[in-house]
Amino acid sequence: MHTKEKIETADVEELPDNWWYRVYLGVIITTVAVILALGAFTGHFSS
């Protein structure tokens, strides 16, 4: 009564590390830019 079915899974192709490093760098640069912009706006409007 037990039938074994072979489940085919598509092999997920992983992106090269170099691509991920660029993504991480972009996130870090964007985060720093946003923090600096918020600090500048805070300094400008608090006076």
C-alpha atoms as a PDB file:
ATOM      1  CA  MET A   1       0.000   0.000   0.000  1.00  0.00           C
ATOM      2  CA  HIS A   2       2.949   2.294   0.367  1.00  0.00           C
ATOM      3  CA  THR A   3       4.040   3.824  -2.876  1.00  0.00           C
ATOM      4  CA  LYS A   4       7.230   5.757  -2.978  1.00  0.00           C
ATOM      5  CA  GLU A   5       7.067   8.784  -5.167  1.00  0.00           C
ATOM      6  CA  LYS A   6      10.183  10.487  -6.275  1.00  0.00           C
ATOM      7  CA  ILE A   7       9.805  14.164  -5.667  1.00  0.00           C
ATOM      8  CA  GLU A   8      11.872  16.193  -8.057  1.00  0.00           C
ATOM      9  CA  THR A   9      13.201  19.417  -6.685  1.00  0.00           C
ATOM     10  CA  ALA A  10      14.718  22.036  -8.901  1.00  0.00           C
ATOM     11  CA  ASP A  11      18.287  22.774  -7.992  1.00  0.00           C
ATOM     12  CA  VAL A  12      18.486  26.374  -6.882  1.00  0.00           C
ATOM     13  CA  GLU A  13      21.350  28.123  -8.547  1.00  0.00           C
ATOM     14  CA  GLU A  14      23.132  30.277  -6.010  1.00  0.00           C
ATOM     15  CA  LEU A  15      24.464  33.621  -7.065  1.00  0.00           C
ATOM     16  CA  PRO A  16      28.181  34.214  -6.806  1.00  0.00           C
ATOM     17  CA  ASP A  17      29.527  35.776  -3.616  1.00  0.00           C
ATOM     18  CA  ASN A  18      30.763  38.813  -5.512  1.00  0.00           C
ATOM     19  CA  TRP A  19      27.165  39.772  -6.323  1.00  0.00           C
ATOM     20  CA  TRP A  20      26.107  39.483  -2.687  1.00  0.00           C
ATOM     21  CA  TYR A  21      29.062  41.601  -1.563  1.00  0.00           C
ATOM     22  CA  ARG A  22      27.839  44.360  -3.874  1.00  0.00           C
ATOM     23  CA  VAL A  23      24.349  44.076  -2.394  1.00  0.00           C
ATOM     24  CA  TYR A  24      25.723  44.294   1.155  1.00  0.00           C
ATOM     25  CA  LEU A  25      27.889  47.275   0.237  1.00  0.00           C
ATOM     26  CA  GLY A  26      24.909  49.041  -1.326  1.00  0.00           C
ATOM     27  CA  VAL A  27      22.824  48.480   1.799  1.00  0.00           C
ATOM     28  CA  ILE A  28      25.594  49.798   4.050  1.00  0.00           C
ATOM     29  CA  ILE A  29      26.166  52.896   1.902  1.00  0.00           C
ATOM     30  CA  THR A  30      22.435  53.620   1.733  1.00  0.00           C
ATOM     31  CA  THR A  31      22.080  53.213   5.506  1.00  0.00           C
ATOM     32  CA  VAL A  32      24.972  55.592   6.191  1.00  0.00           C
ATOM     33  CA  ALA A  33      23.556  58.142   3.704  1.00  0.00           C
ATOM     34  CA  VAL A  34      20.112  58.009   5.352  1.00  0.00           C
ATOM     35  CA  ILE A  35      21.597  58.441   8.838  1.00  0.00           C
ATOM     36  CA  LEU A  36      23.696  61.406   7.695  1.00  0.00           C
ATOM     37  CA  ALA A  37      20.699  62.991   5.946  1.00  0.00           C
ATOM     38  CA  LEU A  38      18.542  62.592   9.056  1.00  0.00           C
ATOM     39  CA  GLY A  39      21.278  64.179  11.167  1.00  0.00           C
ATOM     40  CA  ALA A  40      21.562  67.084   8.731  1.00  0.00           C
ATOM     41  CA  PHE A  41      17.797  67.666   8.676  1.00  0.00           C
ATOM     42  CA  THR A  42      17.652  67.465  12.463  1.00  0.00           C
ATOM     43  CA  GLY A  43      20.444  70.019  12.813  1.00  0.00           C
ATOM     44  CA  HIS A  44      18.887  72.330  10.260  1.00  0.00           C
ATOM     45  CA  PHE A  45      15.352  72.320  11.672  1.00  0.00           C
ATOM     46  CA  SER A  46      16.275  72.330  15.383  1.00  0.00           C
ATOM     47  CA  SER A  47      17.660  75.869  15.201  1.00  0.00           C
END
